[in-house]
Amino acid sequence: MQIGVATFITDEGIGPADLGRALEERDFDSLVVTEHSHIPASRESPYPAGGELPRIYYRTLDPFVALTAAAVVTTRLQVATGVALVIQRDVIHTAKEVASLDLVSGGRFLFGVGAGWNLEEMRNHGTDPATRGRRLDENLAALKRIWSEEKAEFHGEHVDFDPMFAWPKPVRRPPIYIGGGSRAALRRVIEHGDGWLALGVPPEQVARTKRHFADQGRADAKIAFFGAPPTAEAIAGYREAGVDHLTLMLPTRPRDKTLSTLDDFAKLKLTA
């Protein structure tokens, strides 16, 4: 099982280049970062974890900029979104950003995507929350076409473009990890994804979902877990459940405090 970290990179914590170097020096496998373009002041959508929305949500860096900074100062570290809110993004620009990051990282990008939870944020981007699932399906299909075809064309309900040329192409088509635990998200893994990005579910649910994928003919689907608690018990439990790629939740702190925390994580990784 590969082990990395998941975190919110903000203007108040360690920078992405310093973090990338520190992770590779400690032999972690990956850096997974979040995305929110903005937080609407209305705050109508409740925070899924309950309570007040943490400060880090308001201050996240653009994930593709942050991951590029981490990628160019490392050689082995995988960089990933967890998750990119592609329904809030122009699909053609997103295709170029992903392909560019995969190119400059030498094929080390993992593309975690999800439908999102902040309804006002979606609406600000012109996305109707009621159609976000269908829009995500079309986005994924269109992205794959842009990355793989010399002259790409797509005509759907939510994504529509005539034949076009778009470079660069990725070094390899980035593995797509679908976030979310709903029935629709699991169906999306089977139809469009290379893996499932689990969040906030116990190991036994991970194991059940892995069996579900196998029953649906997708035993090849990888399982990643976003933001596990940094304990030996959690690492052992998710390893036993069949997780392929585990990330430990790294608090957003200044450089020195982050490096100290990563030292503790590294010791835990060696002993778990």
Protein backbone atom coordinates (compact mmCIF):
# COMPACT_ATOMS: atom_id res chain seq x y z
CA MET A 1 0.00 0.00 0.00
CA GLN A 2 1.34 3.41 -0.98
CA ILE A 3 1.17 6.14 1.66
CA GLY A 4 1.05 9.88 1.07
CA VAL A 5 -0.53 12.94 2.62
CA ALA A 6 -3.68 14.92 1.92
CA THR A 7 -3.84 18.57 2.86
CA PHE A 8 -5.21 22.04 2.22
CA ILE A 9 -2.44 24.24 0.83
CA THR A 10 -3.14 27.86 1.74
CA ASP A 11 -1.37 31.19 1.91
CA GLU A 12 -0.99 30.69 5.67
CA GLY A 13 0.74 27.30 5.71
CA ILE A 14 3.85 25.68 4.29
CA GLY A 15 4.40 26.41 0.61
CA PRO A 16 3.85 23.67 -1.96
CA ALA A 17 7.49 23.48 -3.09
CA ASP A 18 8.78 23.10 0.47
CA LEU A 19 6.09 20.54 1.18
CA GLY A 20 6.86 18.54 -1.95
CA ARG A 21 10.57 18.38 -1.12
CA ALA A 22 9.85 17.38 2.47
CA LEU A 23 7.54 14.56 1.41
CA GLU A 24 9.99 13.12 -1.09
CA GLU A 25 12.86 13.36 1.42
CA ARG A 26 10.74 11.27 3.83
CA ASP A 27 9.81 8.71 1.15
CA PHE A 28 6.11 9.50 0.99
CA ASP A 29 4.42 8.45 -2.22
CA SER A 30 2.04 11.31 -2.91
CA LEU A 31 0.70 14.78 -2.22
CA VAL A 32 -3.07 15.20 -2.60
CA VAL A 33 -4.61 18.66 -2.40
CA THR A 34 -8.12 20.07 -2.34
CA GLU A 35 -9.92 22.64 -4.48
CA HIS A 36 -12.36 25.46 -3.80
CA SER A 37 -12.36 28.41 -6.16
CA HIS A 38 -14.05 30.56 -3.50
CA ILE A 39 -16.49 30.32 -0.60
CA PRO A 40 -19.75 32.22 -1.14
CA ALA A 41 -20.48 34.61 1.72
CA SER A 42 -24.08 33.40 2.01
CA ARG A 43 -22.92 30.07 3.53
CA GLU A 44 -26.23 28.35 2.77
CA SER A 45 -24.79 24.90 2.08
CA PRO A 46 -23.96 23.20 5.39
CA TYR A 47 -20.42 21.97 5.94
CA PRO A 48 -20.61 18.18 5.41
CA ALA A 49 -18.54 17.46 8.55
CA GLY A 50 -20.81 19.67 10.67
CA GLY A 51 -20.18 22.89 12.53
CA GLU A 52 -18.44 25.97 11.17
CA LEU A 53 -16.54 25.77 7.91
CA PRO A 54 -12.82 25.74 8.78
CA ARG A 55 -10.68 28.72 7.79
CA ILE A 56 -8.57 26.60 5.41
CA TYR A 57 -11.51 26.25 3.01
CA TYR A 58 -11.48 29.98 2.35
CA ARG A 59 -7.79 30.19 1.53
CA THR A 60 -6.84 27.26 -0.71
CA LEU A 61 -4.38 27.82 -3.54
CA ASP A 62 -5.33 26.75 -7.04
CA PRO A 63 -4.52 23.02 -7.05
CA PHE A 64 -2.83 22.94 -10.45
CA VAL A 65 -0.53 25.83 -9.57
CA ALA A 66 0.31 24.32 -6.17
CA LEU A 67 0.91 20.82 -7.56
CA THR A 68 3.11 22.16 -10.36
CA ALA A 69 5.27 23.91 -7.73
CA ALA A 70 5.60 20.60 -5.86
CA ALA A 71 6.19 18.55 -9.02
CA VAL A 72 9.05 20.60 -10.43
CA VAL A 73 11.16 20.27 -7.27
CA THR A 74 10.64 16.50 -6.97
CA THR A 75 11.32 13.47 -9.14
CA ARG A 76 9.28 10.61 -7.64
CA LEU A 77 6.41 12.18 -5.72
CA GLN A 78 2.97 11.64 -7.25
CA VAL A 79 0.79 14.76 -7.22
CA ALA A 80 -2.99 14.58 -7.15
CA THR A 81 -6.23 16.50 -6.78
CA GLY A 82 -8.63 15.40 -4.10
CA VAL A 83 -10.89 16.50 -5.62
CA ALA A 84 -10.89 18.85 -8.60
CA LEU A 85 -14.32 20.41 -9.07
CA VAL A 86 -14.42 20.01 -12.83
CA ILE A 87 -18.12 20.90 -13.06
CA GLN A 88 -17.09 24.44 -12.09
CA ARG A 89 -14.32 24.59 -14.71
CA ASP A 90 -14.20 25.10 -18.44
CA VAL A 91 -13.53 21.63 -19.79
CA ILE A 92 -11.08 22.72 -22.50
CA HIS A 93 -8.98 24.74 -20.06
CA THR A 94 -9.09 21.86 -17.59
CA ALA A 95 -7.86 19.45 -20.26
CA LYS A 96 -4.87 21.70 -20.94
CA GLU A 97 -4.08 22.22 -17.24
CA VAL A 98 -4.15 18.50 -16.50
CA ALA A 99 -2.10 17.61 -19.57
CA SER A 100 0.42 20.36 -18.81
CA LEU A 101 0.85 19.25 -15.20
CA ASP A 102 1.20 15.62 -16.25
CA LEU A 103 3.83 16.66 -18.81
CA VAL A 104 5.95 18.81 -16.47
CA SER A 105 5.76 16.15 -13.74
CA GLY A 106 6.82 13.37 -16.10
CA GLY A 107 3.54 11.47 -15.81
CA ARG A 108 3.15 11.71 -12.02
CA PHE A 109 -0.33 13.29 -11.89
CA LEU A 110 -3.39 11.48 -10.46
CA PHE A 111 -6.70 13.15 -11.28
CA GLY A 112 -9.18 13.02 -8.41
CA VAL A 113 -12.56 14.49 -9.34
CA GLY A 114 -15.91 14.96 -7.66
CA ALA A 115 -19.30 16.62 -8.02
CA GLY A 116 -18.82 18.88 -5.00
CA TRP A 117 -21.10 19.87 -2.11
CA ASN A 118 -21.23 23.69 -2.04
CA LEU A 119 -24.30 24.52 -4.11
CA GLU A 120 -23.76 28.29 -4.07
CA GLU A 121 -20.18 27.84 -5.30
CA MET A 122 -21.49 25.83 -8.26
CA ARG A 123 -24.15 28.38 -9.08
CA ASN A 124 -21.59 31.19 -9.09
CA HIS A 125 -19.85 29.29 -11.91
CA GLY A 126 -23.09 28.90 -13.84
CA THR A 127 -23.56 25.25 -12.90
CA ASP A 128 -27.03 24.06 -11.94
CA PRO A 129 -26.57 21.76 -8.92
CA ALA A 130 -29.40 19.56 -10.20
CA THR A 131 -27.37 18.68 -13.29
CA ARG A 132 -23.91 18.40 -11.72
CA GLY A 133 -23.76 14.60 -11.98
CA ARG A 134 -24.64 14.51 -15.68
CA ARG A 135 -22.27 17.41 -16.31
CA LEU A 136 -19.44 15.54 -14.56
CA ASP A 137 -20.04 12.44 -16.67
CA GLU A 138 -19.84 14.50 -19.85
CA ASN A 139 -16.78 16.38 -18.65
CA LEU A 140 -14.90 13.14 -18.03
CA ALA A 141 -15.84 11.73 -21.42
CA ALA A 142 -14.82 14.98 -23.14
CA LEU A 143 -11.52 15.22 -21.26
CA LYS A 144 -10.53 11.71 -22.30
CA ARG A 145 -11.33 12.57 -25.91
CA ILE A 146 -9.24 15.76 -25.86
CA TRP A 147 -6.28 13.92 -24.32
CA SER A 148 -6.36 11.00 -26.74
CA GLU A 149 -7.48 12.32 -30.12
CA GLU A 150 -5.54 14.55 -32.49
CA LYS A 151 -8.74 16.23 -33.65
CA ALA A 152 -11.21 16.08 -30.75
CA GLU A 153 -14.94 16.72 -31.03
CA PHE A 154 -17.75 16.38 -28.48
CA HIS A 155 -21.45 17.12 -28.57
CA GLY A 156 -23.42 16.59 -25.38
CA GLU A 157 -26.10 18.24 -23.29
CA HIS A 158 -23.63 20.19 -21.13
CA VAL A 159 -20.36 19.98 -23.09
CA ASP A 160 -20.29 20.88 -26.76
CA PHE A 161 -17.39 21.69 -29.04
CA ASP A 162 -16.60 21.25 -32.73
CA PRO A 163 -13.43 19.52 -34.02
CA MET A 164 -10.33 21.12 -32.53
CA PHE A 165 -6.63 20.61 -31.90
CA ALA A 166 -5.42 20.69 -28.31
CA TRP A 167 -1.89 20.12 -27.07
CA PRO A 168 -0.01 19.12 -25.03
CA LYS A 169 -1.22 15.60 -24.60
CA PRO A 170 -0.50 13.95 -21.23
CA VAL A 171 2.56 11.75 -20.88
CA ARG A 172 0.02 9.03 -20.14
CA ARG A 173 -3.70 9.48 -19.64
CA PRO A 174 -3.86 10.44 -15.94
CA PRO A 175 -5.64 7.87 -13.77
CA ILE A 176 -9.06 9.23 -12.79
CA TYR A 177 -10.18 8.69 -9.19
CA ILE A 178 -13.84 9.41 -8.51
CA GLY A 179 -14.63 10.92 -5.13
CA GLY A 180 -17.86 10.40 -3.19
CA GLY A 181 -19.76 7.55 -1.62
CA SER A 182 -23.16 7.92 -3.27
CA ARG A 183 -24.67 5.36 -5.61
CA ALA A 184 -24.03 7.74 -8.51
CA ALA A 185 -20.37 8.16 -7.56
CA LEU A 186 -19.80 4.41 -7.40
CA ARG A 187 -21.55 3.99 -10.74
CA ARG A 188 -19.25 6.70 -12.10
CA VAL A 189 -16.19 4.74 -10.96
CA ILE A 190 -17.42 1.71 -12.89
CA GLU A 191 -18.24 3.67 -16.06
CA HIS A 192 -15.61 6.42 -16.17
CA GLY A 193 -12.96 5.93 -13.49
CA ASP A 194 -9.75 4.10 -12.84
CA GLY A 195 -10.34 4.12 -9.11
CA TRP A 196 -12.41 5.28 -6.16
CA LEU A 197 -11.32 8.08 -3.82
CA ALA A 198 -12.93 7.24 -0.49
CA LEU A 199 -13.44 9.79 2.27
CA GLY A 200 -14.70 9.42 5.82
CA VAL A 201 -15.76 5.77 5.60
CA PRO A 202 -14.56 2.90 7.82
CA PRO A 203 -12.40 0.06 6.51
CA GLU A 204 -15.31 -2.38 6.40
CA GLN A 205 -17.18 -0.11 3.98
CA VAL A 206 -14.09 0.13 1.80
CA ALA A 207 -13.91 -3.67 1.70
CA ARG A 208 -17.61 -3.93 0.76
CA THR A 209 -17.20 -1.38 -2.01
CA LYS A 210 -14.15 -3.19 -3.36
CA ARG A 211 -16.26 -6.37 -3.61
CA HIS A 212 -19.02 -4.37 -5.32
CA PHE A 213 -16.60 -3.20 -8.00
CA ALA A 214 -15.44 -6.78 -8.56
CA ASP A 215 -19.06 -7.94 -8.88
CA GLN A 216 -19.60 -5.27 -11.54
CA GLY A 217 -16.61 -6.43 -13.57
CA ARG A 218 -14.26 -3.74 -12.26
CA ALA A 219 -11.92 -5.70 -10.01
CA ASP A 220 -9.19 -3.57 -11.60
CA ALA A 221 -10.54 -0.39 -9.97
CA LYS A 222 -7.99 1.02 -7.52
CA ILE A 223 -8.97 2.22 -4.07
CA ALA A 224 -7.50 5.42 -2.65
CA PHE A 225 -8.40 6.96 0.70
CA PHE A 226 -8.32 10.70 1.34
CA GLY A 227 -7.22 11.98 4.72
CA ALA A 228 -7.03 9.00 7.07
CA PRO A 229 -6.22 9.73 10.71
CA PRO A 230 -2.48 9.37 11.37
CA THR A 231 -2.63 6.28 13.58
CA ALA A 232 -1.19 2.80 13.28
CA GLU A 233 -4.69 1.35 13.70
CA ALA A 234 -6.06 3.34 10.76
CA ILE A 235 -3.15 2.38 8.50
CA ALA A 236 -3.51 -1.30 9.39
CA GLY A 237 -7.29 -1.23 8.97
CA TYR A 238 -7.26 0.32 5.54
CA ARG A 239 -4.42 -1.89 4.39
CA GLU A 240 -6.45 -4.95 5.44
CA ALA A 241 -9.51 -3.54 3.63
CA GLY A 242 -7.59 -3.47 0.35
CA VAL A 243 -6.76 0.22 -0.03
CA ASP A 244 -4.08 0.70 -2.69
CA HIS A 245 -3.17 4.28 -1.88
CA LEU A 246 -3.67 5.80 1.57
CA THR A 247 -3.20 9.46 2.42
CA LEU A 248 -2.84 10.74 5.97
CA MET A 249 -4.52 14.05 6.83
CA LEU A 250 -1.87 16.73 7.26
CA PRO A 251 -2.95 19.86 9.17
CA THR A 252 -2.27 23.19 7.47
CA ARG A 253 0.49 24.79 9.50
CA PRO A 254 3.61 26.92 8.95
CA ARG A 255 6.75 25.30 7.59
CA ASP A 256 8.55 24.32 10.81
CA LYS A 257 5.48 22.82 12.47
CA THR A 258 4.63 20.96 9.27
CA LEU A 259 8.11 19.46 8.99
CA SER A 260 7.89 18.26 12.59
CA THR A 261 4.52 16.65 11.89
CA LEU A 262 5.89 14.96 8.78
CA ASP A 263 8.74 13.53 10.84
CA ASP A 264 6.13 11.96 13.12
CA PHE A 265 4.18 10.67 10.11
CA ALA A 266 7.34 9.14 8.66
CA LYS A 267 8.05 7.24 11.90
CA LEU A 268 4.46 6.03 11.97
CA LYS A 269 4.69 4.87 8.36
CA LEU A 270 7.77 2.82 9.14
CA THR A 271 6.27 1.13 12.20
CA ALA A 272 2.63 0.63 11.12
